[in-house]
Amino acid sequence: MDSASQAELDSLLDELDATLHRVGRLVASRQAEFVRDAGLSASQYMVLKALDSEGPMRVSDVASMLGVKNPAASGLIQSLEEDGLLQRGGDASDNRVVLVDMAPAGRAALARSEAYRRRIISGFTAALSLEDLRTLVRIHGILADSLARGGFDYVSGHPGQGFASPEEGK
């Protein structure tokens, strides 16, 4: 790559980084709004969202998903249960296992939150054509897949090798 192309690439990557950071901050603040307006904390929303997509879960699975220890997840689950948003039940395949699942009130709270989330996303994507929105979704999918595979190894120059910094290769 010639120096002019490298300079343009560097400029575009800097702009992308700044834009992703700004969008992330703004989306996070709006997310806090829709979660709060549904009467949920961010952690409660994440638990309900996971149960909606994954179905009943063990407390340890909830803790792992949230990146917390079991006692913290247990406290959160107890709070959701006391609010009538979750219910505990047994696992038909193993009587020793306790599973948590959404109660009808939890489904309703999640539905309110999701409806508000869609309105927010619709508002900040209104300037995009349907084709632009499809392209944005496709590109974000590619970026998410790259991150899930471990990104790019700056030392070896190969994708999916992890996130070693350029300095580590010296």
C-alpha atoms as a PDB file:
ATOM      1  CA  MET A   1       0.000   0.000   0.000  1.00  0.00           C
ATOM      2  CA  ASP A   2       1.413   3.391  -0.933  1.00  0.00           C
ATOM      3  CA  SER A   3       1.743   6.168   1.643  1.00  0.00           C
ATOM      4  CA  ALA A   4      -1.267   8.129   0.321  1.00  0.00           C
ATOM      5  CA  SER A   5      -3.485   5.054   0.555  1.00  0.00           C
ATOM      6  CA  GLN A   6      -2.128   4.275   4.034  1.00  0.00           C
ATOM      7  CA  ALA A   7      -2.808   7.854   5.141  1.00  0.00           C
ATOM      8  CA  GLU A   8      -6.396   7.627   3.863  1.00  0.00           C
ATOM      9  CA  LEU A   9      -6.883   4.243   5.550  1.00  0.00           C
ATOM     10  CA  ASP A  10      -5.493   5.615   8.835  1.00  0.00           C
ATOM     11  CA  SER A  11      -7.820   8.619   8.595  1.00  0.00           C
ATOM     12  CA  LEU A  12     -10.844   6.432   7.873  1.00  0.00           C
ATOM     13  CA  LEU A  13      -9.998   4.071  10.751  1.00  0.00           C
ATOM     14  CA  ASP A  14      -9.647   7.032  13.134  1.00  0.00           C
ATOM     15  CA  GLU A  15     -12.995   8.383  11.961  1.00  0.00           C
ATOM     16  CA  LEU A  16     -14.620   4.947  12.325  1.00  0.00           C
ATOM     17  CA  ASP A  17     -13.228   4.579  15.837  1.00  0.00           C
ATOM     18  CA  ALA A  18     -14.538   8.002  16.865  1.00  0.00           C
ATOM     19  CA  THR A  19     -17.938   7.320  15.283  1.00  0.00           C
ATOM     20  CA  LEU A  20     -18.300   3.886  16.887  1.00  0.00           C
ATOM     21  CA  HIS A  21     -17.372   5.365  20.270  1.00  0.00           C
ATOM     22  CA  ARG A  22     -19.900   8.206  19.880  1.00  0.00           C
ATOM     23  CA  VAL A  23     -22.669   5.905  18.664  1.00  0.00           C
ATOM     24  CA  GLY A  24     -21.937   3.465  21.509  1.00  0.00           C
ATOM     25  CA  ARG A  25     -22.223   6.231  24.115  1.00  0.00           C
ATOM     26  CA  LEU A  26     -25.443   7.581  22.635  1.00  0.00           C
ATOM     27  CA  VAL A  27     -27.054   4.165  22.253  1.00  0.00           C
ATOM     28  CA  ALA A  28     -26.087   3.246  25.831  1.00  0.00           C
ATOM     29  CA  SER A  29     -27.722   6.406  27.163  1.00  0.00           C
ATOM     30  CA  ARG A  30     -30.888   5.724  25.148  1.00  0.00           C
ATOM     31  CA  GLN A  31     -30.841   2.104  26.293  1.00  0.00           C
ATOM     32  CA  ALA A  32     -30.820   3.297  29.881  1.00  0.00           C
ATOM     33  CA  GLU A  33     -33.954   5.334  29.059  1.00  0.00           C
ATOM     34  CA  PHE A  34     -35.966   2.472  27.583  1.00  0.00           C
ATOM     35  CA  VAL A  35     -34.942   0.071  30.321  1.00  0.00           C
ATOM     36  CA  ARG A  36     -35.752   2.596  33.053  1.00  0.00           C
ATOM     37  CA  ASP A  37     -39.084   3.511  31.434  1.00  0.00           C
ATOM     38  CA  ALA A  38     -40.049  -0.170  31.597  1.00  0.00           C
ATOM     39  CA  GLY A  39     -39.250  -0.125  35.332  1.00  0.00           C
ATOM     40  CA  LEU A  40     -36.143  -2.298  34.963  1.00  0.00           C
ATOM     41  CA  SER A  41     -32.446  -1.972  35.709  1.00  0.00           C
ATOM     42  CA  ALA A  42     -29.978  -2.750  32.928  1.00  0.00           C
ATOM     43  CA  SER A  43     -29.133  -6.079  34.614  1.00  0.00           C
ATOM     44  CA  GLN A  44     -32.786  -7.005  34.988  1.00  0.00           C
ATOM     45  CA  TYR A  45     -33.353  -6.217  31.315  1.00  0.00           C
ATOM     46  CA  MET A  46     -30.386  -8.387  30.306  1.00  0.00           C
ATOM     47  CA  VAL A  47     -31.734 -11.327  32.341  1.00  0.00           C
ATOM     48  CA  LEU A  48     -35.216 -11.021  30.820  1.00  0.00           C
ATOM     49  CA  LYS A  49     -33.767 -10.635  27.319  1.00  0.00           C
ATOM     50  CA  ALA A  50     -31.595 -13.757  27.790  1.00  0.00           C
ATOM     51  CA  LEU A  51     -34.511 -15.789  29.133  1.00  0.00           C
ATOM     52  CA  ASP A  52     -36.621 -14.654  26.202  1.00  0.00           C
ATOM     53  CA  SER A  53     -34.062 -15.844  23.674  1.00  0.00           C
ATOM     54  CA  GLU A  54     -32.607 -18.863  25.503  1.00  0.00           C
ATOM     55  CA  GLY A  55     -35.523 -20.101  27.595  1.00  0.00           C
ATOM     56  CA  PRO A  56     -35.250 -21.251  31.220  1.00  0.00           C
ATOM     57  CA  MET A  57     -31.735 -21.008  32.673  1.00  0.00           C
ATOM     58  CA  ARG A  58     -29.810 -22.111  35.737  1.00  0.00           C
ATOM     59  CA  VAL A  59     -28.696 -19.384  38.134  1.00  0.00           C
ATOM     60  CA  SER A  60     -25.077 -20.193  37.240  1.00  0.00           C
ATOM     61  CA  ASP A  61     -25.855 -19.625  33.550  1.00  0.00           C
ATOM     62  CA  VAL A  62     -27.424 -16.254  34.360  1.00  0.00           C
ATOM     63  CA  ALA A  63     -24.325 -15.346  36.408  1.00  0.00           C
ATOM     64  CA  SER A  64     -22.030 -16.349  33.551  1.00  0.00           C
ATOM     65  CA  MET A  65     -24.056 -14.362  31.035  1.00  0.00           C
ATOM     66  CA  LEU A  66     -23.893 -11.256  33.250  1.00  0.00           C
ATOM     67  CA  GLY A  67     -20.229 -11.782  34.115  1.00  0.00           C
ATOM     68  CA  VAL A  68     -20.939 -11.900  37.857  1.00  0.00           C
ATOM     69  CA  LYS A  69     -20.624 -14.483  40.609  1.00  0.00           C
ATOM     70  CA  ASN A  70     -23.564 -16.747  41.543  1.00  0.00           C
ATOM     71  CA  PRO A  71     -24.499 -14.824  44.739  1.00  0.00           C
ATOM     72  CA  ALA A  72     -24.910 -11.583  42.762  1.00  0.00           C
ATOM     73  CA  ALA A  73     -27.034 -13.346  40.136  1.00  0.00           C
ATOM     74  CA  SER A  74     -29.075 -15.009  42.899  1.00  0.00           C
ATOM     75  CA  GLY A  75     -29.811 -11.616  44.437  1.00  0.00           C
ATOM     76  CA  LEU A  76     -30.879 -10.201  41.092  1.00  0.00           C
ATOM     77  CA  ILE A  77     -33.049 -13.229  40.387  1.00  0.00           C
ATOM     78  CA  GLN A  78     -34.635 -12.991  43.838  1.00  0.00           C
ATOM     79  CA  SER A  79     -35.421  -9.320  43.202  1.00  0.00           C
ATOM     80  CA  LEU A  80     -37.003 -10.156  39.835  1.00  0.00           C
ATOM     81  CA  GLU A  81     -38.948 -12.984  41.444  1.00  0.00           C
ATOM     82  CA  GLU A  82     -40.207 -10.720  44.259  1.00  0.00           C
ATOM     83  CA  ASP A  83     -41.352  -8.225  41.610  1.00  0.00           C
ATOM     84  CA  GLY A  84     -43.293 -11.037  39.911  1.00  0.00           C
ATOM     85  CA  LEU A  85     -41.155 -10.902  36.763  1.00  0.00           C
ATOM     86  CA  LEU A  86     -39.467 -14.304  37.157  1.00  0.00           C
ATOM     87  CA  GLN A  87     -40.476 -17.696  38.425  1.00  0.00           C
ATOM     88  CA  ARG A  88     -38.395 -20.630  39.575  1.00  0.00           C
ATOM     89  CA  GLY A  89     -39.053 -24.180  38.550  1.00  0.00           C
ATOM     90  CA  GLY A  90     -37.441 -27.581  38.411  1.00  0.00           C
ATOM     91  CA  ASP A  91     -35.621 -29.186  35.546  1.00  0.00           C
ATOM     92  CA  ALA A  92     -37.572 -32.218  34.330  1.00  0.00           C
ATOM     93  CA  SER A  93     -34.325 -34.001  33.432  1.00  0.00           C
ATOM     94  CA  ASP A  94     -32.611 -33.330  36.790  1.00  0.00           C
ATOM     95  CA  ASN A  95     -34.630 -32.727  39.964  1.00  0.00           C
ATOM     96  CA  ARG A  96     -31.593 -31.159  41.678  1.00  0.00           C
ATOM     97  CA  VAL A  97     -31.484 -28.277  39.200  1.00  0.00           C
ATOM     98  CA  VAL A  98     -33.523 -25.118  39.679  1.00  0.00           C
ATOM     99  CA  LEU A  99     -34.320 -23.123  36.567  1.00  0.00           C
ATOM    100  CA  VAL A 100     -35.534 -19.556  36.319  1.00  0.00           C
ATOM    101  CA  ASP A 101     -37.905 -18.392  33.625  1.00  0.00           C
ATOM    102  CA  MET A 102     -39.954 -15.332  32.860  1.00  0.00           C
ATOM    103  CA  ALA A 103     -43.315 -14.917  34.491  1.00  0.00           C
ATOM    104  CA  PRO A 104     -46.111 -13.291  32.458  1.00  0.00           C
ATOM    105  CA  ALA A 105     -45.348  -9.923  34.090  1.00  0.00           C
ATOM    106  CA  GLY A 106     -41.713 -10.301  33.010  1.00  0.00           C
ATOM    107  CA  ARG A 107     -42.784 -10.922  29.434  1.00  0.00           C
ATOM    108  CA  ALA A 108     -44.976  -7.824  29.573  1.00  0.00           C
ATOM    109  CA  ALA A 109     -42.144  -5.681  31.007  1.00  0.00           C
ATOM    110  CA  LEU A 110     -39.761  -6.950  28.326  1.00  0.00           C
ATOM    111  CA  ALA A 111     -42.343  -6.292  25.586  1.00  0.00           C
ATOM    112  CA  ARG A 112     -42.772  -2.674  26.804  1.00  0.00           C
ATOM    113  CA  SER A 113     -39.020  -2.205  26.889  1.00  0.00           C
ATOM    114  CA  GLU A 114     -38.549  -3.743  23.431  1.00  0.00           C
ATOM    115  CA  ALA A 115     -41.302  -1.565  21.912  1.00  0.00           C
ATOM    116  CA  TYR A 116     -39.624   1.546  23.308  1.00  0.00           C
ATOM    117  CA  ARG A 117     -36.204   0.317  22.108  1.00  0.00           C
ATOM    118  CA  ARG A 118     -37.554  -0.114  18.581  1.00  0.00           C
ATOM    119  CA  ARG A 119     -39.026   3.418  18.643  1.00  0.00           C
ATOM    120  CA  ILE A 120     -35.647   4.817  19.711  1.00  0.00           C
ATOM    121  CA  ILE A 121     -33.749   2.889  17.028  1.00  0.00           C
ATOM    122  CA  SER A 122     -36.350   3.874  14.444  1.00  0.00           C
ATOM    123  CA  GLY A 123     -35.853   7.507  15.427  1.00  0.00           C
ATOM    124  CA  PHE A 124     -32.098   7.556  15.029  1.00  0.00           C
ATOM    125  CA  THR A 125     -32.142   5.537  11.808  1.00  0.00           C
ATOM    126  CA  ALA A 126     -34.987   7.539  10.209  1.00  0.00           C
ATOM    127  CA  ALA A 127     -32.494   9.441   8.024  1.00  0.00           C
ATOM    128  CA  LEU A 128     -31.396   6.166   6.406  1.00  0.00           C
ATOM    129  CA  SER A 129     -33.045   4.580   3.402  1.00  0.00           C
ATOM    130  CA  LEU A 130     -34.116   0.958   3.740  1.00  0.00           C
ATOM    131  CA  GLU A 131     -31.128  -0.003   1.577  1.00  0.00           C
ATOM    132  CA  ASP A 132     -28.742   2.010   3.780  1.00  0.00           C
ATOM    133  CA  LEU A 133     -30.205   0.320   6.852  1.00  0.00           C
ATOM    134  CA  ARG A 134     -29.700  -3.132   5.274  1.00  0.00           C
ATOM    135  CA  THR A 135     -26.083  -2.194   4.491  1.00  0.00           C
ATOM    136  CA  LEU A 136     -25.524  -0.925   8.034  1.00  0.00           C
ATOM    137  CA  VAL A 137     -26.920  -4.147   9.517  1.00  0.00           C
ATOM    138  CA  ARG A 138     -24.763  -6.237   7.161  1.00  0.00           C
ATOM    139  CA  ILE A 139     -21.592  -4.312   7.992  1.00  0.00           C
ATOM    140  CA  HIS A 140     -22.261  -4.429  11.731  1.00  0.00           C
ATOM    141  CA  GLY A 141     -22.751  -8.182  11.399  1.00  0.00           C
ATOM    142  CA  ILE A 142     -19.372  -8.513   9.714  1.00  0.00           C
ATOM    143  CA  LEU A 143     -17.698  -6.439  12.449  1.00  0.00           C
ATOM    144  CA  ALA A 144     -19.430  -8.419  15.210  1.00  0.00           C
ATOM    145  CA  ASP A 145     -18.365 -11.716  13.617  1.00  0.00           C
ATOM    146  CA  SER A 146     -14.772 -10.463  13.350  1.00  0.00           C
ATOM    147  CA  LEU A 147     -14.771  -9.445  17.014  1.00  0.00           C
ATOM    148  CA  ALA A 148     -16.298 -12.787  18.038  1.00  0.00           C
ATOM    149  CA  ARG A 149     -13.504 -14.619  16.206  1.00  0.00           C
ATOM    150  CA  GLY A 150     -10.862 -12.617  18.037  1.00  0.00           C
ATOM    151  CA  GLY A 151     -10.424  -9.704  15.679  1.00  0.00           C
ATOM    152  CA  PHE A 152      -7.069  -9.209  14.063  1.00  0.00           C
ATOM    153  CA  ASP A 153      -3.584 -10.063  15.285  1.00  0.00           C
ATOM    154  CA  TYR A 154      -1.437  -7.021  14.566  1.00  0.00           C
ATOM    155  CA  VAL A 155       1.738  -9.041  15.093  1.00  0.00           C
ATOM    156  CA  SER A 156       1.072 -11.787  12.552  1.00  0.00           C
ATOM    157  CA  GLY A 157      -1.208  -9.733  10.331  1.00  0.00           C
ATOM    158  CA  HIS A 158      -3.820 -12.491  10.271  1.00  0.00           C
ATOM    159  CA  PRO A 159      -7.514 -12.301  11.199  1.00  0.00           C
ATOM    160  CA  GLY A 160      -8.877 -14.259  14.138  1.00  0.00           C
ATOM    161  CA  GLN A 161      -5.617 -14.523  16.062  1.00  0.00           C
ATOM    162  CA  GLY A 162      -6.532 -12.278  18.985  1.00  0.00           C
ATOM    163  CA  PHE A 163      -5.833  -8.690  19.892  1.00  0.00           C
ATOM    164  CA  ALA A 164      -2.079  -8.431  20.306  1.00  0.00           C
ATOM    165  CA  SER A 165      -0.933  -4.819  20.129  1.00  0.00           C
ATOM    166  CA  PRO A 166       1.543  -3.685  17.461  1.00  0.00           C
ATOM    167  CA  GLU A 167       4.111  -3.039  20.222  1.00  0.00           C
ATOM    168  CA  GLU A 168       3.974  -6.683  21.357  1.00  0.00           C
ATOM    169  CA  GLY A 169       5.391  -7.805  18.029  1.00  0.00           C
ATOM    170  CA  LYS A 170       8.551  -5.740  18.384  1.00  0.00           C
END
